[in-house]
Amino acid sequence: MFDSPDYPKPLEESLFERWLEQGRRSPIPYAYILVIWDELDGCYLPVYTQSRSEMNQFARFGASPDQRSMVAAYDLYSESRIL
């Protein structure tokens, strides 16, 4: 995933699948997973949210100099990309 010059580095599909499963198994009823890029650590992080409005906490990747920015957002159950 994210294997193009538009992204900082590729994300292993198996790691993304583990993140999806972790979000689905959580006792908190999450609906979305945000893929966040951490500029200082040079890695992707999962952030789980219950509503779309929580996505506004993160600037979009490439549009902000923030340490952490959102690369993409997915529905946890349909796995469709929403951002």
C-alpha atoms as a PDB file:
ATOM      1  CA  MET A   1       0.000   0.000   0.000  1.00  0.00           C
ATOM      2  CA  PHE A   2       1.058   3.602  -0.620  1.00  0.00           C
ATOM      3  CA  ASP A   3       3.790   2.409  -2.952  1.00  0.00           C
ATOM      4  CA  SER A   4       4.199   5.559  -5.030  1.00  0.00           C
ATOM      5  CA  PRO A   5       6.195   8.790  -4.920  1.00  0.00           C
ATOM      6  CA  ASP A   6       3.113  10.545  -3.461  1.00  0.00           C
ATOM      7  CA  TYR A   7       3.681   8.806  -0.111  1.00  0.00           C
ATOM      8  CA  PRO A   8       6.693   8.751   2.211  1.00  0.00           C
ATOM      9  CA  LYS A   9       7.132   4.964   2.083  1.00  0.00           C
ATOM     10  CA  PRO A  10       5.133   1.784   1.403  1.00  0.00           C
ATOM     11  CA  LEU A  11       2.936   0.196   4.051  1.00  0.00           C
ATOM     12  CA  GLU A  12       2.954  -3.589   4.340  1.00  0.00           C
ATOM     13  CA  GLU A  13      -0.465  -5.011   3.461  1.00  0.00           C
ATOM     14  CA  SER A  14      -0.163  -7.597   6.254  1.00  0.00           C
ATOM     15  CA  LEU A  15       0.408  -4.846   8.830  1.00  0.00           C
ATOM     16  CA  PHE A  16      -2.642  -2.951   7.572  1.00  0.00           C
ATOM     17  CA  GLU A  17      -4.721  -6.156   7.834  1.00  0.00           C
ATOM     18  CA  ARG A  18      -3.581  -6.610  11.457  1.00  0.00           C
ATOM     19  CA  TRP A  19      -4.609  -3.044  12.213  1.00  0.00           C
ATOM     20  CA  LEU A  20      -8.058  -3.682  10.740  1.00  0.00           C
ATOM     21  CA  GLU A  21      -8.501  -6.783  12.893  1.00  0.00           C
ATOM     22  CA  GLN A  22      -7.356  -4.964  16.034  1.00  0.00           C
ATOM     23  CA  GLY A  23      -9.896  -2.219  15.428  1.00  0.00           C
ATOM     24  CA  ARG A  24     -12.700  -4.708  14.822  1.00  0.00           C
ATOM     25  CA  ARG A  25     -11.890  -6.675  17.995  1.00  0.00           C
ATOM     26  CA  SER A  26     -11.755  -3.601  20.206  1.00  0.00           C
ATOM     27  CA  PRO A  27     -14.413  -3.361  22.936  1.00  0.00           C
ATOM     28  CA  ILE A  28     -14.860   0.265  21.826  1.00  0.00           C
ATOM     29  CA  PRO A  29     -17.168   0.328  18.776  1.00  0.00           C
ATOM     30  CA  TYR A  30     -14.823   1.944  16.279  1.00  0.00           C
ATOM     31  CA  ALA A  31     -16.042   2.607  12.749  1.00  0.00           C
ATOM     32  CA  TYR A  32     -12.947   3.983  11.012  1.00  0.00           C
ATOM     33  CA  ILE A  33      -9.201   3.550  10.860  1.00  0.00           C
ATOM     34  CA  LEU A  34      -6.966   6.482  10.002  1.00  0.00           C
ATOM     35  CA  VAL A  35      -3.523   5.807   8.595  1.00  0.00           C
ATOM     36  CA  ILE A  36      -1.281   8.462  10.111  1.00  0.00           C
ATOM     37  CA  TRP A  37       2.255   9.306   9.021  1.00  0.00           C
ATOM     38  CA  ASP A  38       4.606  10.298  11.848  1.00  0.00           C
ATOM     39  CA  GLU A  39       7.331  12.455  10.346  1.00  0.00           C
ATOM     40  CA  LEU A  40       9.722  12.253  13.314  1.00  0.00           C
ATOM     41  CA  ASP A  41       9.524   8.487  13.732  1.00  0.00           C
ATOM     42  CA  GLY A  42       9.317   7.836   9.980  1.00  0.00           C
ATOM     43  CA  CYS A  43       6.480   5.340  10.286  1.00  0.00           C
ATOM     44  CA  TYR A  44       2.754   4.834   9.825  1.00  0.00           C
ATOM     45  CA  LEU A  45       0.423   4.569  12.822  1.00  0.00           C
ATOM     46  CA  PRO A  46      -3.197   3.434  13.105  1.00  0.00           C
ATOM     47  CA  VAL A  47      -5.733   5.688  14.789  1.00  0.00           C
ATOM     48  CA  TYR A  48      -9.239   4.343  15.353  1.00  0.00           C
ATOM     49  CA  THR A  49     -12.269   6.625  15.476  1.00  0.00           C
ATOM     50  CA  GLN A  50     -15.977   6.269  16.108  1.00  0.00           C
ATOM     51  CA  SER A  51     -17.088   9.131  13.882  1.00  0.00           C
ATOM     52  CA  ARG A  52     -15.991  11.009  10.788  1.00  0.00           C
ATOM     53  CA  SER A  53     -15.819  14.255  12.750  1.00  0.00           C
ATOM     54  CA  GLU A  54     -12.835  12.877  14.710  1.00  0.00           C
ATOM     55  CA  MET A  55     -10.873  12.773  11.460  1.00  0.00           C
ATOM     56  CA  ASN A  56     -10.624  16.557  11.592  1.00  0.00           C
ATOM     57  CA  GLN A  57      -8.067  16.261  14.398  1.00  0.00           C
ATOM     58  CA  PHE A  58      -5.381  15.473  11.822  1.00  0.00           C
ATOM     59  CA  ALA A  59      -4.149  17.553   8.915  1.00  0.00           C
ATOM     60  CA  ARG A  60      -3.959  15.790   5.565  1.00  0.00           C
ATOM     61  CA  PHE A  61      -0.567  14.453   4.525  1.00  0.00           C
ATOM     62  CA  GLY A  62       1.285  16.871   2.261  1.00  0.00           C
ATOM     63  CA  ALA A  63      -0.870  19.834   3.283  1.00  0.00           C
ATOM     64  CA  SER A  64       0.662  20.555   6.668  1.00  0.00           C
ATOM     65  CA  PRO A  65       4.054  20.661   8.384  1.00  0.00           C
ATOM     66  CA  ASP A  66       2.597  18.873  11.454  1.00  0.00           C
ATOM     67  CA  GLN A  67       4.534  15.963  12.952  1.00  0.00           C
ATOM     68  CA  ARG A  68       1.583  13.639  12.366  1.00  0.00           C
ATOM     69  CA  SER A  69      -0.689  13.827   9.353  1.00  0.00           C
ATOM     70  CA  MET A  70      -3.449  11.647   7.925  1.00  0.00           C
ATOM     71  CA  VAL A  71      -2.540   9.716   4.791  1.00  0.00           C
ATOM     72  CA  ALA A  72      -5.861   7.891   4.395  1.00  0.00           C
ATOM     73  CA  ALA A  73      -9.026   6.854   6.196  1.00  0.00           C
ATOM     74  CA  TYR A  74     -10.924   3.586   5.791  1.00  0.00           C
ATOM     75  CA  ASP A  75     -14.178   2.112   6.977  1.00  0.00           C
ATOM     76  CA  LEU A  76     -13.185  -0.678   9.389  1.00  0.00           C
ATOM     77  CA  TYR A  77     -15.783  -3.138   8.111  1.00  0.00           C
ATOM     78  CA  SER A  78     -16.187  -2.527   4.387  1.00  0.00           C
ATOM     79  CA  GLU A  79     -12.490  -1.618   4.088  1.00  0.00           C
ATOM     80  CA  SER A  80     -13.436   1.085   1.586  1.00  0.00           C
ATOM     81  CA  ARG A  81     -11.238   4.142   1.492  1.00  0.00           C
ATOM     82  CA  ILE A  82     -13.130   7.253   2.503  1.00  0.00           C
ATOM     83  CA  LEU A  83     -10.245   9.783   2.435  1.00  0.00           C
END
